[in-house]
């Protein structure tokens, strides 16, 4: 089984490079890394090109022009462009531990989706983090994190090694397994069955809405927050709007009650007339604007 990783990004090339360096040293490499780019400038493309050249990562840069927050649209374009049958979703500010892909693949089962976990870094730790810290693995040591501004027992529990104790913690945690944008995964065919992400949703629960429809379609969420871990880099959230988040929570409640499976506007409703492209590495030129390499 081949795994693809979908990494969302927007105008944060420094963070994206740390994330991609994390995927370059995975114990089990992904078959493809799809960078779902919601309209970043040239700097992001340059990072993708350089990391692909230096590491040999099978990167796919899925980009569309910046016309405001259109994360769900570029995620759907990435799903459509993916060749792998199993897809792991994460964000461009979430650095994976070296067993991240292997853990998702090892726990994948038909009829299920997986819900991973994260350690939220402080601003101090985020500013101190380097590619060398990621590649060596020391960034995932609780002692290193505490020394650089991110202490805490919860973080130590999230970063336990092995499978037995982390697996036990995942079974006893009261936190329900939900689809989250930092580290969730399932089968591409199931994402197509529910028509992907809802194009009408913005920041504030768009990931959980997809998870609700997957559950309505019969999939069961599995909690792996102590086994599949990423480091979530610090950032501000000036775009957070409480009213929008409340409205989208009400929407999730409505589709749960109605048993809605397919997004009314999703993958099948993508507008291919907009300015977008897919660039595959290594060694392929960018597709013409307004077309997709699928």
Protein backbone atom coordinates (compact mmCIF):
# COMPACT_ATOMS: atom_id res chain seq x y z
CA UNK A 1 0.00 0.00 0.00
CA UNK A 2 1.30 3.44 -0.95
CA UNK A 3 0.82 6.48 1.29
CA UNK A 4 0.63 10.05 0.11
CA UNK A 5 0.97 12.99 2.49
CA UNK A 6 -1.04 16.16 1.84
CA UNK A 7 0.63 19.21 3.43
CA UNK A 8 -1.31 22.47 3.38
CA UNK A 9 0.61 25.75 3.29
CA UNK A 10 0.14 29.48 2.85
CA UNK A 11 2.98 32.02 2.78
CA UNK A 12 5.15 30.36 5.41
CA UNK A 13 8.10 28.90 3.49
CA UNK A 14 10.41 28.72 6.52
CA UNK A 15 7.97 26.48 8.38
CA UNK A 16 7.27 24.41 5.27
CA UNK A 17 10.97 23.67 4.85
CA UNK A 18 11.19 22.26 8.40
CA UNK A 19 8.14 20.10 7.69
CA UNK A 20 9.52 18.78 4.41
CA UNK A 21 12.87 18.02 6.05
CA UNK A 22 10.91 15.90 8.51
CA UNK A 23 9.40 13.89 5.66
CA UNK A 24 12.82 13.45 4.10
CA UNK A 25 14.00 11.38 7.09
CA UNK A 26 10.97 9.15 7.68
CA UNK A 27 11.57 5.51 8.63
CA UNK A 28 9.01 4.59 5.96
CA UNK A 29 9.05 7.14 3.11
CA UNK A 30 5.79 8.34 1.61
CA UNK A 31 5.17 7.56 -2.05
CA UNK A 32 4.39 11.25 -2.64
CA UNK A 33 4.22 14.50 -0.69
CA UNK A 34 1.53 16.80 -2.05
CA UNK A 35 2.06 20.44 -1.02
CA UNK A 36 -1.44 21.95 -1.15
CA UNK A 37 -0.61 25.64 -1.56
CA UNK A 38 -3.44 28.15 -1.07
CA UNK A 39 -1.82 30.88 -3.17
CA UNK A 40 1.68 31.46 -1.76
CA UNK A 41 4.28 33.49 -3.61
CA UNK A 42 7.48 32.43 -5.35
CA UNK A 43 9.36 31.80 -2.09
CA UNK A 44 7.27 28.72 -1.34
CA UNK A 45 7.82 27.29 -4.82
CA UNK A 46 11.55 27.85 -4.41
CA UNK A 47 11.54 25.90 -1.14
CA UNK A 48 9.68 23.02 -2.77
CA UNK A 49 12.09 22.97 -5.72
CA UNK A 50 15.21 23.15 -3.53
CA UNK A 51 14.13 20.51 -1.02
CA UNK A 52 13.12 18.18 -3.84
CA UNK A 53 16.52 18.61 -5.47
CA UNK A 54 18.49 18.20 -2.24
CA UNK A 55 16.57 15.28 -0.74
CA UNK A 56 14.95 13.48 -3.68
CA UNK A 57 11.53 13.72 -2.02
CA UNK A 58 8.70 12.90 -4.47
CA UNK A 59 7.09 16.34 -4.11
CA UNK A 60 3.96 17.48 -5.91
CA UNK A 61 3.30 21.23 -5.69
CA UNK A 62 -0.44 21.82 -6.06
CA UNK A 63 -1.00 25.60 -6.30
CA UNK A 64 -3.78 28.00 -7.11
CA UNK A 65 -3.83 31.79 -7.13
CA UNK A 66 -4.49 33.72 -3.94
CA UNK A 67 -8.15 34.71 -3.90
CA UNK A 68 -8.69 34.66 -0.14
CA UNK A 69 -9.02 31.65 2.14
CA UNK A 70 -9.63 28.65 -0.12
CA UNK A 71 -8.01 25.86 1.87
CA UNK A 72 -10.77 23.37 1.18
CA UNK A 73 -10.45 23.99 -2.55
CA UNK A 74 -6.71 23.37 -2.71
CA UNK A 75 -7.10 20.30 -0.47
CA UNK A 76 -9.60 18.90 -2.97
CA UNK A 77 -7.21 19.62 -5.82
CA UNK A 78 -4.52 17.68 -3.96
CA UNK A 79 -6.86 14.71 -3.41
CA UNK A 80 -7.68 14.70 -7.11
CA UNK A 81 -4.00 14.92 -8.09
CA UNK A 82 -2.90 12.15 -5.69
CA UNK A 83 -1.75 8.79 -7.04
CA UNK A 84 -1.47 7.00 -3.65
CA UNK A 85 -4.42 4.98 -2.41
CA UNK A 86 -3.98 6.07 1.22
CA UNK A 87 -3.70 9.76 2.18
CA UNK A 88 -2.33 11.38 5.34
CA UNK A 89 -3.29 15.03 5.94
CA UNK A 90 -1.24 17.55 7.88
CA UNK A 91 -0.39 21.24 7.90
CA UNK A 92 2.67 23.12 6.73
CA UNK A 93 3.50 24.09 10.32
CA UNK A 94 3.44 20.51 11.71
CA UNK A 95 6.83 18.77 11.76
CA UNK A 96 6.51 14.95 11.74
CA UNK A 97 8.43 12.57 13.94
CA UNK A 98 10.39 10.06 11.89
CA UNK A 99 7.85 7.25 12.55
CA UNK A 100 4.83 9.36 11.51
CA UNK A 101 4.18 7.83 8.09
CA UNK A 102 5.01 4.30 9.27
CA UNK A 103 2.56 4.64 12.17
CA UNK A 104 -0.30 5.75 9.94
CA UNK A 105 0.39 2.97 7.46
CA UNK A 106 0.74 0.36 10.17
CA UNK A 107 -2.57 1.25 11.79
CA UNK A 108 -4.61 1.82 8.61
CA UNK A 109 -7.65 -0.43 8.24
CA UNK A 110 -10.54 -0.39 5.77
CA UNK A 111 -13.62 1.36 7.13
CA UNK A 112 -11.62 3.59 9.49
CA UNK A 113 -9.88 6.94 9.67
CA UNK A 114 -7.02 7.78 12.03
CA UNK A 115 -6.74 10.84 14.27
CA UNK A 116 -3.18 11.80 15.23
CA UNK A 117 -1.80 14.15 17.87
CA UNK A 118 0.58 17.04 18.32
CA UNK A 119 2.82 18.92 20.69
CA UNK A 120 2.18 22.66 20.51
CA UNK A 121 5.49 24.52 20.59
CA UNK A 122 6.04 27.86 22.26
CA UNK A 123 7.21 30.85 20.27
CA UNK A 124 10.65 30.48 21.86
CA UNK A 125 10.97 26.84 20.78
CA UNK A 126 9.67 27.55 17.29
CA UNK A 127 12.24 30.31 16.76
CA UNK A 128 15.04 28.03 18.01
CA UNK A 129 14.13 25.02 15.85
CA UNK A 130 16.45 24.21 12.94
CA UNK A 131 16.55 21.63 10.17
CA UNK A 132 19.36 19.92 12.05
CA UNK A 133 17.15 19.55 15.13
CA UNK A 134 14.48 17.91 12.99
CA UNK A 135 16.79 15.63 11.02
CA UNK A 136 18.68 14.43 14.11
CA UNK A 137 15.44 13.76 15.99
CA UNK A 138 16.48 15.79 19.05
CA UNK A 139 13.53 18.16 18.52
CA UNK A 140 11.28 15.30 19.67
CA UNK A 141 13.12 14.75 22.95
CA UNK A 142 11.20 16.18 25.94
CA UNK A 143 14.44 17.39 27.50
CA UNK A 144 15.38 19.37 24.38
CA UNK A 145 11.90 20.89 24.17
CA UNK A 146 11.92 21.89 27.85
CA UNK A 147 15.36 23.46 27.50
CA UNK A 148 14.07 25.54 24.58
CA UNK A 149 10.81 26.74 26.13
CA UNK A 150 8.22 23.93 25.77
CA UNK A 151 8.05 21.94 29.02
CA UNK A 152 5.16 19.88 30.39
CA UNK A 153 4.09 16.39 31.45
CA UNK A 154 1.50 16.22 28.68
CA UNK A 155 4.24 16.70 26.09
CA UNK A 156 6.30 13.93 27.68
CA UNK A 157 3.33 11.57 27.42
CA UNK A 158 2.76 12.54 23.77
CA UNK A 159 6.40 11.78 22.94
CA UNK A 160 6.76 8.37 24.56
CA UNK A 161 8.57 5.85 22.37
CA UNK A 162 7.36 2.39 21.47
CA UNK A 163 3.84 1.16 20.86
CA UNK A 164 2.58 -0.47 24.06
CA UNK A 165 2.21 2.46 26.47
CA UNK A 166 1.27 5.04 23.79
CA UNK A 167 -1.32 2.58 22.47
CA UNK A 168 -2.75 2.16 25.96
CA UNK A 169 -2.95 5.94 26.41
CA UNK A 170 -4.81 6.20 23.11
CA UNK A 171 -7.35 3.62 24.29
CA UNK A 172 -8.02 5.30 27.66
CA UNK A 173 -8.01 8.96 26.59
CA UNK A 174 -11.44 10.60 26.93
CA UNK A 175 -10.80 12.65 23.78
CA UNK A 176 -12.92 11.41 20.89
CA UNK A 177 -11.18 10.57 17.61
CA UNK A 178 -12.06 13.37 15.18
CA UNK A 179 -10.63 14.37 11.83
CA UNK A 180 -8.03 17.07 12.44
CA UNK A 181 -5.83 18.93 10.00
CA UNK A 182 -2.60 18.21 11.85
CA UNK A 183 -2.44 14.45 11.36
CA UNK A 184 -5.40 12.44 10.09
CA UNK A 185 -5.56 9.79 7.41
CA UNK A 186 -7.86 7.51 5.45
CA UNK A 187 -8.37 5.94 2.04
CA UNK A 188 -8.54 8.14 -1.05
CA UNK A 189 -11.57 6.23 -2.32
CA UNK A 190 -13.49 7.12 0.85
CA UNK A 191 -12.59 10.80 0.44
CA UNK A 192 -13.90 10.67 -3.11
CA UNK A 193 -17.05 8.91 -1.88
CA UNK A 194 -17.90 11.85 0.41
CA UNK A 195 -16.87 14.38 -2.29
CA UNK A 196 -13.90 15.66 -0.30
CA UNK A 197 -13.88 18.89 1.66
CA UNK A 198 -16.82 21.31 1.60
CA UNK A 199 -15.88 24.27 -0.61
CA UNK A 200 -18.22 26.58 1.32
CA UNK A 201 -16.37 26.23 4.64
CA UNK A 202 -13.63 28.51 5.94
CA UNK A 203 -11.36 28.43 9.01
CA UNK A 204 -12.98 26.91 12.07
CA UNK A 205 -13.94 23.24 11.97
CA UNK A 206 -13.62 22.49 8.25
CA UNK A 207 -11.61 19.35 9.08
CA UNK A 208 -14.09 18.06 11.64
CA UNK A 209 -16.91 18.57 9.15
CA UNK A 210 -15.19 16.16 6.76
CA UNK A 211 -14.76 13.70 9.62
CA UNK A 212 -18.45 13.91 10.44
CA UNK A 213 -19.39 13.01 6.88
CA UNK A 214 -16.90 10.13 6.89
CA UNK A 215 -18.61 8.85 10.03
CA UNK A 216 -22.00 9.28 8.37
CA UNK A 217 -20.62 7.15 5.52
CA UNK A 218 -19.84 4.37 8.00
CA UNK A 219 -16.18 4.99 8.82
CA UNK A 220 -15.00 4.76 12.42
CA UNK A 221 -12.43 7.15 13.87
CA UNK A 222 -9.43 5.64 15.68
CA UNK A 223 -7.47 7.66 18.24
CA UNK A 224 -3.67 7.58 17.67
CA UNK A 225 -2.72 10.91 19.27
CA UNK A 226 0.04 9.32 21.40
CA UNK A 227 1.43 7.22 18.55
CA UNK A 228 1.47 9.56 15.52
CA UNK A 229 2.94 12.86 16.68
CA UNK A 230 3.89 16.16 15.05
CA UNK A 231 5.40 19.35 16.47
CA UNK A 232 2.99 22.21 15.86
CA UNK A 233 4.98 25.41 15.28
CA UNK A 234 3.82 28.57 17.02
CA UNK A 235 1.92 31.20 15.06
CA UNK A 236 -0.64 33.91 15.60
CA UNK A 237 -4.26 33.52 14.43
CA UNK A 238 -5.55 36.93 13.34
CA UNK A 239 -8.07 35.22 11.06
CA UNK A 240 -9.92 33.45 13.88
CA UNK A 241 -13.57 34.56 13.95
CA UNK A 242 -15.77 33.25 16.75
CA UNK A 243 -19.07 33.84 14.97
CA UNK A 244 -17.91 31.92 11.90
CA UNK A 245 -16.77 29.06 14.11
CA UNK A 246 -20.14 28.95 15.87
CA UNK A 247 -21.95 28.93 12.54
CA UNK A 248 -19.83 26.05 11.26
CA UNK A 249 -20.37 24.10 14.50
CA UNK A 250 -24.12 24.43 13.92
CA UNK A 251 -23.58 23.18 10.39
CA UNK A 252 -21.72 20.11 11.68
CA UNK A 253 -24.58 19.42 14.06
CA UNK A 254 -27.07 19.65 11.21
CA UNK A 255 -25.22 17.21 8.97
CA UNK A 256 -24.80 14.80 11.88
CA UNK A 257 -28.56 14.78 12.46
CA UNK A 258 -29.32 14.56 8.74
CA UNK A 259 -26.72 11.83 8.12
CA UNK A 260 -25.23 13.81 5.22
CA UNK A 261 -22.43 11.97 3.43
CA UNK A 262 -21.52 14.02 0.36
CA UNK A 263 -20.48 17.67 0.29
CA UNK A 264 -22.89 19.62 -1.91
CA UNK A 265 -19.88 21.47 -3.29
CA UNK A 266 -16.69 19.46 -3.17
CA UNK A 267 -14.21 17.74 -5.46
CA UNK A 268 -16.66 17.28 -8.31
CA UNK A 269 -17.58 20.98 -8.24
CA UNK A 270 -14.03 22.35 -8.53
CA UNK A 271 -13.75 25.21 -11.02
CA UNK A 272 -10.98 24.31 -13.45
CA UNK A 273 -11.20 27.72 -15.07
CA UNK A 274 -9.28 29.35 -12.22
CA UNK A 275 -5.54 29.92 -12.31
CA UNK A 276 -3.94 26.77 -10.87
CA UNK A 277 -1.18 24.27 -11.61
CA UNK A 278 0.42 21.03 -10.50
CA UNK A 279 4.21 20.63 -10.55
CA UNK A 280 5.63 17.18 -9.96
CA UNK A 281 9.18 16.43 -8.80
CA UNK A 282 11.68 15.28 -9.65
CA UNK A 283 12.32 16.48 -13.15
CA UNK A 284 8.94 17.54 -14.53
CA UNK A 285 8.02 21.00 -15.71
CA UNK A 286 4.97 22.74 -14.33
CA UNK A 287 1.67 22.01 -16.03
CA UNK A 288 0.12 24.87 -17.95
CA UNK A 289 -1.90 27.34 -15.93
CA UNK A 290 -5.53 26.28 -15.69
CA UNK A 291 -4.85 22.56 -16.16
CA UNK A 292 -4.14 19.65 -13.84
CA UNK A 293 -1.69 16.79 -14.28
CA UNK A 294 -4.09 13.94 -13.50
